Structures are given as structure tokens and as C-alpha cells.
Amino acid sequence: MGHIIHKPDEAELSDLSDLFKVFGDETRLKILFALFEKELCVGDIAESLNISQSAISHQLKLLKQSRLVKGRRDGKLIFYSLADDHVSTVIAQGLEHVNED
């Protein structure tokens, strides 16, 4: 099991709380799972989740502000992907936790 290196201060606790709030939305989780395998543009995410592009764009903005996803411009399109391995690790461990007996 991982060890916490130090007791977080108030600012870190606030940041951590904000991070977990971002994970607390099913649509955002669906977007993150969609990005597990490959980068996608807003239209592809919207189509695969059957959610409007404007709703996806709004959620991607929040995910990007939280540094959970990153965007790469290709012409007029922006392709989104998970920001780093920490994101998939947190989600995988959370899923493992909820599926424990």
C-alpha cells in the first residue's frame, strides 16, 4: 500500500477535495473512461456517449482545469487525452475499491 509522505496542509487538503469533486460526476467519469484507450475529439466523445457536444465541451473544460485531461490541436480539431498516468491509476484504484467484496 502506498504511503503518504507528509500530512497535507490546508491548501493541499482543499486542492485534494476539489480534485475528488471533479471525479464525483458520472459524465466526467464516462469521458475519462472513453479517453483510456485513445485520444478523441469532442465530436467523437459526444457520439460515443450520446451526449451533446456542448455538454462534453463544458465537462472537458472542468477536466482540463483540474489537469486530468490535455488537448492537442490538429487543424480545427482539439484531440483530448488523459493528462498522465496518475489519472488512470486513480480511476483504476477507485474502480477496484468499489468492486471489493
PDB file of N, CA and C in Angstrom:
ATOM      1  N   MET A   1       0.844  -1.178   0.000  1.00  0.00           N
ATOM      2  CA  MET A   1       0.000   0.000   0.000  1.00  0.00           C
ATOM      3  C   MET A   1       0.888   1.240   0.000  1.00  0.00           C
ATOM      4  N   GLY A   2       0.483   2.272  -0.739  1.00  0.00           N
ATOM      5  CA  GLY A   2       1.265   3.492  -0.800  1.00  0.00           C
ATOM      6  C   GLY A   2       1.257   4.231   0.525  1.00  0.00           C
ATOM      7  N   HIS A   3       2.295   4.970   0.754  1.00  0.00           N
ATOM      8  CA  HIS A   3       2.427   5.720   1.991  1.00  0.00           C
ATOM      9  C   HIS A   3       2.349   7.204   1.687  1.00  0.00           C
ATOM     10  N   ILE A   4       1.661   7.933   2.571  1.00  0.00           N
ATOM     11  CA  ILE A   4       1.625   9.382   2.458  1.00  0.00           C
ATOM     12  C   ILE A   4       2.938   9.908   3.016  1.00  0.00           C
ATOM     13  N   ILE A   5       3.628  10.708   2.245  1.00  0.00           N
ATOM     14  CA  ILE A   5       4.940  11.202   2.638  1.00  0.00           C
ATOM     15  C   ILE A   5       4.828  12.228   3.761  1.00  0.00           C
ATOM     16  N   HIS A   6       3.785  13.033   3.732  1.00  0.00           N
ATOM     17  CA  HIS A   6       3.607  14.058   4.754  1.00  0.00           C
ATOM     18  C   HIS A   6       2.117  14.294   4.973  1.00  0.00           C
ATOM     19  N   LYS A   7       1.816  14.869   6.103  1.00  0.00           N
ATOM     20  CA  LYS A   7       0.431  15.245   6.379  1.00  0.00           C
ATOM     21  C   LYS A   7       0.137  16.501   5.556  1.00  0.00           C
ATOM     22  N   PRO A   8      -0.923  16.462   4.743  1.00  0.00           N
ATOM     23  CA  PRO A   8      -1.204  17.616   3.879  1.00  0.00           C
ATOM     24  C   PRO A   8      -1.610  18.852   4.683  1.00  0.00           C
ATOM     25  N   ASP A   9      -1.188  20.019   4.194  1.00  0.00           N
ATOM     26  CA  ASP A   9      -1.604  21.265   4.829  1.00  0.00           C
ATOM     27  C   ASP A   9      -2.995  21.644   4.310  1.00  0.00           C
ATOM     28  N   GLU A  10      -3.525  22.738   4.790  1.00  0.00           N
ATOM     29  CA  GLU A  10      -4.892  23.150   4.437  1.00  0.00           C
ATOM     30  C   GLU A  10      -5.050  23.374   2.932  1.00  0.00           C
ATOM     31  N   ALA A  11      -4.064  23.974   2.307  1.00  0.00           N
ATOM     32  CA  ALA A  11      -4.149  24.231   0.862  1.00  0.00           C
ATOM     33  C   ALA A  11      -4.173  22.919   0.082  1.00  0.00           C
ATOM     34  N   GLU A  12      -3.347  21.967   0.482  1.00  0.00           N
ATOM     35  CA  GLU A  12      -3.325  20.666  -0.193  1.00  0.00           C
ATOM     36  C   GLU A  12      -4.631  19.916   0.026  1.00  0.00           C
ATOM     37  N   LEU A  13      -5.171  19.999   1.239  1.00  0.00           N
ATOM     38  CA  LEU A  13      -6.457  19.350   1.512  1.00  0.00           C
ATOM     39  C   LEU A  13      -7.556  19.951   0.648  1.00  0.00           C
ATOM     40  N   SER A  14      -7.532  21.260   0.490  1.00  0.00           N
ATOM     41  CA  SER A  14      -8.521  21.936  -0.353  1.00  0.00           C
ATOM     42  C   SER A  14      -8.385  21.498  -1.811  1.00  0.00           C
ATOM     43  N   ASP A  15      -7.145  21.447  -2.301  1.00  0.00           N
ATOM     44  CA  ASP A  15      -6.904  21.008  -3.678  1.00  0.00           C
ATOM     45  C   ASP A  15      -7.340  19.564  -3.880  1.00  0.00           C
ATOM     46  N   LEU A  16      -7.052  18.708  -2.903  1.00  0.00           N
ATOM     47  CA  LEU A  16      -7.438  17.300  -2.998  1.00  0.00           C
ATOM     48  C   LEU A  16      -8.954  17.152  -2.987  1.00  0.00           C
ATOM     49  N   SER A  17      -9.612  17.930  -2.134  1.00  0.00           N
ATOM     50  CA  SER A  17     -11.073  17.909  -2.087  1.00  0.00           C
ATOM     51  C   SER A  17     -11.660  18.334  -3.430  1.00  0.00           C
ATOM     52  N   ASP A  18     -11.104  19.390  -4.016  1.00  0.00           N
ATOM     53  CA  ASP A  18     -11.569  19.850  -5.329  1.00  0.00           C
ATOM     54  C   ASP A  18     -11.363  18.780  -6.396  1.00  0.00           C
ATOM     55  N   LEU A  19     -10.224  18.084  -6.340  1.00  0.00           N
ATOM     56  CA  LEU A  19      -9.944  17.024  -7.305  1.00  0.00           C
ATOM     57  C   LEU A  19     -10.986  15.913  -7.209  1.00  0.00           C
ATOM     58  N   PHE A  20     -11.287  15.482  -5.997  1.00  0.00           N
ATOM     59  CA  PHE A  20     -12.260  14.403  -5.844  1.00  0.00           C
ATOM     60  C   PHE A  20     -13.671  14.849  -6.221  1.00  0.00           C
ATOM     61  N   LYS A  21     -13.973  16.135  -6.095  1.00  0.00           N
ATOM     62  CA  LYS A  21     -15.271  16.643  -6.559  1.00  0.00           C
ATOM     63  C   LYS A  21     -15.393  16.472  -8.071  1.00  0.00           C
ATOM     64  N   VAL A  22     -14.295  16.688  -8.783  1.00  0.00           N
ATOM     65  CA  VAL A  22     -14.304  16.519 -10.241  1.00  0.00           C
ATOM     66  C   VAL A  22     -14.598  15.063 -10.592  1.00  0.00           C
ATOM     67  N   PHE A  23     -14.050  14.131  -9.822  1.00  0.00           N
ATOM     68  CA  PHE A  23     -14.311  12.705 -10.044  1.00  0.00           C
ATOM     69  C   PHE A  23     -15.738  12.320  -9.649  1.00  0.00           C
ATOM     70  N   GLY A  24     -16.458  13.213  -8.975  1.00  0.00           N
ATOM     71  CA  GLY A  24     -17.783  12.902  -8.456  1.00  0.00           C
ATOM     72  C   GLY A  24     -18.919  13.069  -9.450  1.00  0.00           C
ATOM     73  N   ASP A  25     -18.627  13.182 -10.724  1.00  0.00           N
ATOM     74  CA  ASP A  25     -19.659  13.368 -11.740  1.00  0.00           C
ATOM     75  C   ASP A  25     -19.585  12.218 -12.744  1.00  0.00           C
ATOM     76  N   GLU A  26     -20.718  11.537 -12.954  1.00  0.00           N
ATOM     77  CA  GLU A  26     -20.729  10.363 -13.837  1.00  0.00           C
ATOM     78  C   GLU A  26     -20.350  10.704 -15.275  1.00  0.00           C
ATOM     79  N   THR A  27     -20.794  11.848 -15.770  1.00  0.00           N
ATOM     80  CA  THR A  27     -20.451  12.227 -17.144  1.00  0.00           C
ATOM     81  C   THR A  27     -18.947  12.418 -17.285  1.00  0.00           C
ATOM     82  N   ARG A  28     -18.335  13.087 -16.322  1.00  0.00           N
ATOM     83  CA  ARG A  28     -16.886  13.275 -16.390  1.00  0.00           C
ATOM     84  C   ARG A  28     -16.162  11.937 -16.309  1.00  0.00           C
ATOM     85  N   LEU A  29     -16.650  11.025 -15.477  1.00  0.00           N
ATOM     86  CA  LEU A  29     -16.040   9.693 -15.403  1.00  0.00           C
ATOM     87  C   LEU A  29     -16.179   8.955 -16.734  1.00  0.00           C
ATOM     88  N   LYS A  30     -17.335   9.066 -17.372  1.00  0.00           N
ATOM     89  CA  LYS A  30     -17.530   8.427 -18.682  1.00  0.00           C
ATOM     90  C   LYS A  30     -16.543   8.985 -19.706  1.00  0.00           C
ATOM     91  N   ILE A  31     -16.323  10.290 -19.659  1.00  0.00           N
ATOM     92  CA  ILE A  31     -15.363  10.912 -20.575  1.00  0.00           C
ATOM     93  C   ILE A  31     -13.963  10.369 -20.307  1.00  0.00           C
ATOM     94  N   LEU A  32     -13.584  10.296 -19.046  1.00  0.00           N
ATOM     95  CA  LEU A  32     -12.253   9.783 -18.701  1.00  0.00           C
ATOM     96  C   LEU A  32     -12.088   8.343 -19.167  1.00  0.00           C
ATOM     97  N   PHE A  33     -13.116   7.513 -18.971  1.00  0.00           N
ATOM     98  CA  PHE A  33     -13.036   6.127 -19.441  1.00  0.00           C
ATOM     99  C   PHE A  33     -12.929   6.066 -20.960  1.00  0.00           C
ATOM    100  N   ALA A  34     -13.638   6.965 -21.658  1.00  0.00           N
ATOM    101  CA  ALA A  34     -13.553   6.998 -23.122  1.00  0.00           C
ATOM    102  C   ALA A  34     -12.134   7.334 -23.576  1.00  0.00           C
ATOM    103  N   LEU A  35     -11.426   8.119 -22.776  1.00  0.00           N
ATOM    104  CA  LEU A  35     -10.070   8.540 -23.134  1.00  0.00           C
ATOM    105  C   LEU A  35      -8.996   7.556 -22.677  1.00  0.00           C
ATOM    106  N   PHE A  36      -9.390   6.501 -21.979  1.00  0.00           N
ATOM    107  CA  PHE A  36      -8.422   5.500 -21.523  1.00  0.00           C
ATOM    108  C   PHE A  36      -7.656   4.896 -22.694  1.00  0.00           C
ATOM    109  N   GLU A  37      -8.357   4.583 -23.774  1.00  0.00           N
ATOM    110  CA  GLU A  37      -7.756   3.831 -24.871  1.00  0.00           C
ATOM    111  C   GLU A  37      -7.070   4.700 -25.911  1.00  0.00           C
ATOM    112  N   LYS A  38      -7.653   5.876 -26.198  1.00  0.00           N
ATOM    113  CA  LYS A  38      -7.071   6.725 -27.236  1.00  0.00           C
ATOM    114  C   LYS A  38      -7.569   8.148 -27.091  1.00  0.00           C
ATOM    115  N   GLU A  39      -6.868   9.053 -27.751  1.00  0.00           N
ATOM    116  CA  GLU A  39      -7.305  10.440 -27.731  1.00  0.00           C
ATOM    117  C   GLU A  39      -8.509  10.598 -28.653  1.00  0.00           C
ATOM    118  N   LEU A  40      -9.393  11.504 -28.274  1.00  0.00           N
ATOM    119  CA  LEU A  40     -10.626  11.722 -29.025  1.00  0.00           C
ATOM    120  C   LEU A  40     -10.934  13.211 -29.089  1.00  0.00           C
ATOM    121  N   CYS A  41     -11.644  13.614 -30.147  1.00  0.00           N
ATOM    122  CA  CYS A  41     -12.121  14.990 -30.227  1.00  0.00           C
ATOM    123  C   CYS A  41     -13.508  15.065 -29.587  1.00  0.00           C
ATOM    124  N   VAL A  42     -13.988  16.272 -29.371  1.00  0.00           N
ATOM    125  CA  VAL A  42     -15.276  16.478 -28.704  1.00  0.00           C
ATOM    126  C   VAL A  42     -16.391  15.719 -29.414  1.00  0.00           C
ATOM    127  N   GLY A  43     -16.421  15.803 -30.742  1.00  0.00           N
ATOM    128  CA  GLY A  43     -17.476  15.134 -31.506  1.00  0.00           C
ATOM    129  C   GLY A  43     -17.476  13.630 -31.317  1.00  0.00           C
ATOM    130  N   ASP A  44     -16.291  13.038 -31.306  1.00  0.00           N
ATOM    131  CA  ASP A  44     -16.190  11.585 -31.103  1.00  0.00           C
ATOM    132  C   ASP A  44     -16.658  11.184 -29.708  1.00  0.00           C
ATOM    133  N   ILE A  45     -16.278  11.980 -28.710  1.00  0.00           N
ATOM    134  CA  ILE A  45     -16.706  11.686 -27.337  1.00  0.00           C
ATOM    135  C   ILE A  45     -18.217  11.817 -27.234  1.00  0.00           C
ATOM    136  N   ALA A  46     -18.757  12.894 -27.785  1.00  0.00           N
ATOM    137  CA  ALA A  46     -20.202  13.133 -27.729  1.00  0.00           C
ATOM    138  C   ALA A  46     -20.970  11.999 -28.387  1.00  0.00           C
ATOM    139  N   GLU A  47     -20.497  11.568 -29.546  1.00  0.00           N
ATOM    140  CA  GLU A  47     -21.169  10.485 -30.267  1.00  0.00           C
ATOM    141  C   GLU A  47     -21.097   9.170 -29.492  1.00  0.00           C
ATOM    142  N   SER A  48     -19.937   8.858 -28.954  1.00  0.00           N
ATOM    143  CA  SER A  48     -19.790   7.576 -28.252  1.00  0.00           C
ATOM    144  C   SER A  48     -20.588   7.532 -26.956  1.00  0.00           C
ATOM    145  N   LEU A  49     -20.786   8.693 -26.320  1.00  0.00           N
ATOM    146  CA  LEU A  49     -21.530   8.727 -25.054  1.00  0.00           C
ATOM    147  C   LEU A  49     -22.982   9.157 -25.229  1.00  0.00           C
ATOM    148  N   ASN A  50     -23.352   9.532 -26.464  1.00  0.00           N
ATOM    149  CA  ASN A  50     -24.701  10.009 -26.752  1.00  0.00           C
ATOM    150  C   ASN A  50     -25.070  11.207 -25.869  1.00  0.00           C
ATOM    151  N   ILE A  51     -24.145  12.162 -25.819  1.00  0.00           N
ATOM    152  CA  ILE A  51     -24.309  13.393 -25.049  1.00  0.00           C
ATOM    153  C   ILE A  51     -23.968  14.545 -25.989  1.00  0.00           C
ATOM    154  N   SER A  52     -24.624  15.694 -25.820  1.00  0.00           N
ATOM    155  CA  SER A  52     -24.391  16.824 -26.722  1.00  0.00           C
ATOM    156  C   SER A  52     -22.943  17.309 -26.659  1.00  0.00           C
ATOM    157  N   GLN A  53     -22.492  17.858 -27.789  1.00  0.00           N
ATOM    158  CA  GLN A  53     -21.125  18.374 -27.853  1.00  0.00           C
ATOM    159  C   GLN A  53     -20.910  19.508 -26.858  1.00  0.00           C
ATOM    160  N   SER A  54     -21.943  20.346 -26.662  1.00  0.00           N
ATOM    161  CA  SER A  54     -21.780  21.455 -25.715  1.00  0.00           C
ATOM    162  C   SER A  54     -21.616  20.940 -24.289  1.00  0.00           C
ATOM    163  N   ALA A  55     -22.343  19.885 -23.936  1.00  0.00           N
ATOM    164  CA  ALA A  55     -22.203  19.302 -22.594  1.00  0.00           C
ATOM    165  C   ALA A  55     -20.819  18.679 -22.423  1.00  0.00           C
ATOM    166  N   ILE A  56     -20.333  18.011 -23.466  1.00  0.00           N
ATOM    167  CA  ILE A  56     -18.998  17.406 -23.414  1.00  0.00           C
ATOM    168  C   ILE A  56     -17.941  18.499 -23.291  1.00  0.00           C
ATOM    169  N   SER A  57     -18.076  19.562 -24.071  1.00  0.00           N
ATOM    170  CA  SER A  57     -17.113  20.668 -24.016  1.00  0.00           C
ATOM    171  C   SER A  57     -17.054  21.277 -22.622  1.00  0.00           C
ATOM    172  N   HIS A  58     -18.209  21.447 -22.005  1.00  0.00           N
ATOM    173  CA  HIS A  58     -18.264  22.002 -20.647  1.00  0.00           C
ATOM    174  C   HIS A  58     -17.521  21.104 -19.665  1.00  0.00           C
ATOM    175  N   GLN A  59     -17.768  19.812 -19.748  1.00  0.00           N
ATOM    176  CA  GLN A  59     -17.115  18.873 -18.833  1.00  0.00           C
ATOM    177  C   GLN A  59     -15.613  18.780 -19.111  1.00  0.00           C
ATOM    178  N   LEU A  60     -15.227  18.824 -20.380  1.00  0.00           N
ATOM    179  CA  LEU A  60     -13.802  18.796 -20.725  1.00  0.00           C
ATOM    180  C   LEU A  60     -13.077  20.021 -20.180  1.00  0.00           C
ATOM    181  N   LYS A  61     -13.751  21.158 -20.183  1.00  0.00           N
ATOM    182  CA  LYS A  61     -13.146  22.373 -19.623  1.00  0.00           C
ATOM    183  C   LYS A  61     -12.812  22.159 -18.150  1.00  0.00           C
ATOM    184  N   LEU A  62     -13.746  21.581 -17.401  1.00  0.00           N
ATOM    185  CA  LEU A  62     -13.510  21.309 -15.981  1.00  0.00           C
ATOM    186  C   LEU A  62     -12.396  20.281 -15.792  1.00  0.00           C
ATOM    187  N   LEU A  63     -12.397  19.256 -16.622  1.00  0.00           N
ATOM    188  CA  LEU A  63     -11.359  18.224 -16.531  1.00  0.00           C
ATOM    189  C   LEU A  63      -9.984  18.798 -16.867  1.00  0.00           C
ATOM    190  N   LYS A  64      -9.951  19.703 -17.829  1.00  0.00           N
ATOM    191  CA  LYS A  64      -8.680  20.322 -18.217  1.00  0.00           C
ATOM    192  C   LYS A  64      -8.182  21.258 -17.113  1.00  0.00           C
ATOM    193  N   GLN A  65      -9.105  22.026 -16.520  1.00  0.00           N
ATOM    194  CA  GLN A  65      -8.730  22.922 -15.420  1.00  0.00           C
ATOM    195  C   GLN A  65      -8.168  22.137 -14.236  1.00  0.00           C
ATOM    196  N   SER A  66      -8.639  20.929 -14.052  1.00  0.00           N
ATOM    197  CA  SER A  66      -8.164  20.073 -12.960  1.00  0.00           C
ATOM    198  C   SER A  66      -6.935  19.264 -13.361  1.00  0.00           C
ATOM    199  N   ARG A  67      -6.445  19.487 -14.566  1.00  0.00           N
ATOM    200  CA  ARG A  67      -5.255  18.817 -15.105  1.00  0.00           C
ATOM    201  C   ARG A  67      -5.432  17.301 -15.200  1.00  0.00           C
ATOM    202  N   LEU A  68      -6.667  16.881 -15.486  1.00  0.00           N
ATOM    203  CA  LEU A  68      -6.947  15.458 -15.673  1.00  0.00           C
ATOM    204  C   LEU A  68      -6.898  15.070 -17.144  1.00  0.00           C
ATOM    205  N   VAL A  69      -7.166  16.031 -18.029  1.00  0.00           N
ATOM    206  CA  VAL A  69      -7.044  15.800 -19.467  1.00  0.00           C
ATOM    207  C   VAL A  69      -6.203  16.918 -20.073  1.00  0.00           C
ATOM    208  N   LYS A  70      -5.683  16.632 -21.256  1.00  0.00           N
ATOM    209  CA  LYS A  70      -4.935  17.641 -22.002  1.00  0.00           C
ATOM    210  C   LYS A  70      -5.427  17.617 -23.435  1.00  0.00           C
ATOM    211  N   GLY A  71      -5.251  18.729 -24.129  1.00  0.00           N
ATOM    212  CA  GLY A  71      -5.691  18.827 -25.510  1.00  0.00           C
ATOM    213  C   GLY A  71      -4.528  19.026 -26.460  1.00  0.00           C
ATOM    214  N   ARG A  72      -4.695  18.493 -27.670  1.00  0.00           N
ATOM    215  CA  ARG A  72      -3.708  18.646 -28.738  1.00  0.00           C
ATOM    216  C   ARG A  72      -4.449  19.100 -29.982  1.00  0.00           C
ATOM    217  N   ARG A  73      -4.081  20.275 -30.489  1.00  0.00           N
ATOM    218  CA  ARG A  73      -4.756  20.819 -31.669  1.00  0.00           C
ATOM    219  C   ARG A  73      -4.213  20.177 -32.936  1.00  0.00           C
ATOM    220  N   ASP A  74      -5.157  19.813 -33.815  1.00  0.00           N
ATOM    221  CA  ASP A  74      -4.808  19.289 -35.136  1.00  0.00           C
ATOM    222  C   ASP A  74      -5.742  19.979 -36.117  1.00  0.00           C
ATOM    223  N   GLY A  75      -5.261  21.056 -36.727  1.00  0.00           N
ATOM    224  CA  GLY A  75      -6.125  21.854 -37.592  1.00  0.00           C
ATOM    225  C   GLY A  75      -7.177  22.556 -36.751  1.00  0.00           C
ATOM    226  N   LYS A  76      -8.445  22.332 -37.093  1.00  0.00           N
ATOM    227  CA  LYS A  76      -9.538  22.954 -36.348  1.00  0.00           C
ATOM    228  C   LYS A  76      -9.988  22.116 -35.156  1.00  0.00           C
ATOM    229  N   LEU A  77      -9.530  20.888 -35.081  1.00  0.00           N
ATOM    230  CA  LEU A  77      -9.967  19.990 -34.008  1.00  0.00           C
ATOM    231  C   LEU A  77      -8.971  19.968 -32.859  1.00  0.00           C
ATOM    232  N   ILE A  78      -9.504  19.746 -31.665  1.00  0.00           N
ATOM    233  CA  ILE A  78      -8.663  19.511 -30.497  1.00  0.00           C
ATOM    234  C   ILE A  78      -8.912  18.077 -30.058  1.00  0.00           C
ATOM    235  N   PHE A  79      -7.844  17.322 -29.965  1.00  0.00           N
ATOM    236  CA  PHE A  79      -7.935  15.940 -29.512  1.00  0.00           C
ATOM    237  C   PHE A  79      -7.532  15.883 -28.047  1.00  0.00           C
ATOM    238  N   TYR A  80      -8.379  15.245 -27.259  1.00  0.00           N
ATOM    239  CA  TYR A  80      -8.160  15.163 -25.817  1.00  0.00           C
ATOM    240  C   TYR A  80      -7.647  13.786 -25.435  1.00  0.00           C
ATOM    241  N   SER A  81      -6.816  13.771 -24.403  1.00  0.00           N
ATOM    242  CA  SER A  81      -6.298  12.522 -23.846  1.00  0.00           C
ATOM    243  C   SER A  81      -6.125  12.710 -22.344  1.00  0.00           C
ATOM    244  N   LEU A  82      -5.917  11.605 -21.635  1.00  0.00           N
ATOM    245  CA  LEU A  82      -5.650  11.693 -20.205  1.00  0.00           C
ATOM    246  C   LEU A  82      -4.343  12.456 -20.012  1.00  0.00           C
ATOM    247  N   ALA A  83      -4.294  13.277 -18.996  1.00  0.00           N
ATOM    248  CA  ALA A  83      -3.134  14.144 -18.786  1.00  0.00           C
ATOM    249  C   ALA A  83      -1.870  13.365 -18.457  1.00  0.00           C
ATOM    250  N   ASP A  84      -2.010  12.292 -17.682  1.00  0.00           N
ATOM    251  CA  ASP A  84      -0.846  11.481 -17.321  1.00  0.00           C
ATOM    252  C   ASP A  84      -1.311  10.159 -16.714  1.00  0.00           C
ATOM    253  N   ASP A  85      -0.358   9.328 -16.359  1.00  0.00           N
ATOM    254  CA  ASP A  85      -0.684   8.002 -15.816  1.00  0.00           C
ATOM    255  C   ASP A  85      -1.375   8.061 -14.461  1.00  0.00           C
ATOM    256  N   HIS A  86      -1.186   9.155 -13.718  1.00  0.00           N
ATOM    257  CA  HIS A  86      -1.843   9.274 -12.417  1.00  0.00           C
ATOM    258  C   HIS A  86      -3.362   9.186 -12.556  1.00  0.00           C
ATOM    259  N   VAL A  87      -3.885   9.775 -13.612  1.00  0.00           N
ATOM    260  CA  VAL A  87      -5.337   9.813 -13.807  1.00  0.00           C
ATOM    261  C   VAL A  87      -5.888   8.399 -13.943  1.00  0.00           C
ATOM    262  N   SER A  88      -5.290   7.603 -14.812  1.00  0.00           N
ATOM    263  CA  SER A  88      -5.784   6.234 -14.991  1.00  0.00           C
ATOM    264  C   SER A  88      -5.565   5.402 -13.734  1.00  0.00           C
ATOM    265  N   THR A  89      -4.486   5.661 -13.005  1.00  0.00           N
ATOM    266  CA  THR A  89      -4.220   4.926 -11.764  1.00  0.00           C
ATOM    267  C   THR A  89      -5.279   5.223 -10.711  1.00  0.00           C
ATOM    268  N   VAL A  90      -5.614   6.499 -10.533  1.00  0.00           N
ATOM    269  CA  VAL A  90      -6.631   6.880  -9.544  1.00  0.00           C
ATOM    270  C   VAL A  90      -7.968   6.232  -9.884  1.00  0.00           C
ATOM    271  N   ILE A  91      -8.356   6.287 -11.152  1.00  0.00           N
ATOM    272  CA  ILE A  91      -9.637   5.709 -11.564  1.00  0.00           C
ATOM    273  C   ILE A  91      -9.615   4.196 -11.405  1.00  0.00           C
ATOM    274  N   ALA A  92      -8.548   3.553 -11.832  1.00  0.00           N
ATOM    275  CA  ALA A  92      -8.452   2.091 -11.720  1.00  0.00           C
ATOM    276  C   ALA A  92      -8.507   1.651 -10.262  1.00  0.00           C
ATOM    277  N   GLN A  93      -7.818   2.368  -9.382  1.00  0.00           N
ATOM    278  CA  GLN A  93      -7.846   2.005  -7.968  1.00  0.00           C
ATOM    279  C   GLN A  93      -9.216   2.264  -7.361  1.00  0.00           C
ATOM    280  N   GLY A  94      -9.872   3.334  -7.784  1.00  0.00           N
ATOM    281  CA  GLY A  94     -11.224   3.599  -7.305  1.00  0.00           C
ATOM    282  C   GLY A  94     -12.186   2.511  -7.735  1.00  0.00           C
ATOM    283  N   LEU A  95     -12.082   2.081  -8.987  1.00  0.00           N
ATOM    284  CA  LEU A  95     -12.942   1.017  -9.501  1.00  0.00           C
ATOM    285  C   LEU A  95     -12.669  -0.292  -8.767  1.00  0.00           C
ATOM    286  N   GLU A  96     -11.399  -0.568  -8.529  1.00  0.00           N
ATOM    287  CA  GLU A  96     -11.032  -1.769  -7.776  1.00  0.00           C
ATOM    288  C   GLU A  96     -11.624  -1.715  -6.367  1.00  0.00           C
ATOM    289  N   HIS A  97     -11.582  -0.548  -5.755  1.00  0.00           N
ATOM    290  CA  HIS A  97     -12.117  -0.384  -4.400  1.00  0.00           C
ATOM    291  C   HIS A  97     -13.625  -0.640  -4.352  1.00  0.00           C
ATOM    292  N   VAL A  98     -14.376  -0.076  -5.310  1.00  0.00           N
ATOM    293  CA  VAL A  98     -15.834  -0.264  -5.277  1.00  0.00           C
ATOM    294  C   VAL A  98     -16.236  -1.689  -5.624  1.00  0.00           C
ATOM    295  N   ASN A  99     -15.348  -2.446  -6.269  1.00  0.00           N
ATOM    296  CA  ASN A  99     -15.658  -3.832  -6.625  1.00  0.00           C
ATOM    297  C   ASN A  99     -15.139  -4.854  -5.619  1.00  0.00           C
ATOM    298  N   GLU A 100     -14.519  -4.378  -4.530  1.00  0.00           N
ATOM    299  CA  GLU A 100     -14.046  -5.303  -3.495  1.00  0.00           C
ATOM    300  C   GLU A 100     -15.227  -5.952  -2.794  1.00  0.00           C
ATOM    301  N   ASP A 101     -15.000  -7.171  -2.336  1.00  0.00           N
ATOM    302  CA  ASP A 101     -16.042  -7.859  -1.556  1.00  0.00           C
ATOM    303  C   ASP A 101     -16.034  -7.376  -0.126  1.00  0.00           C
TER     304      ASP A 101
END
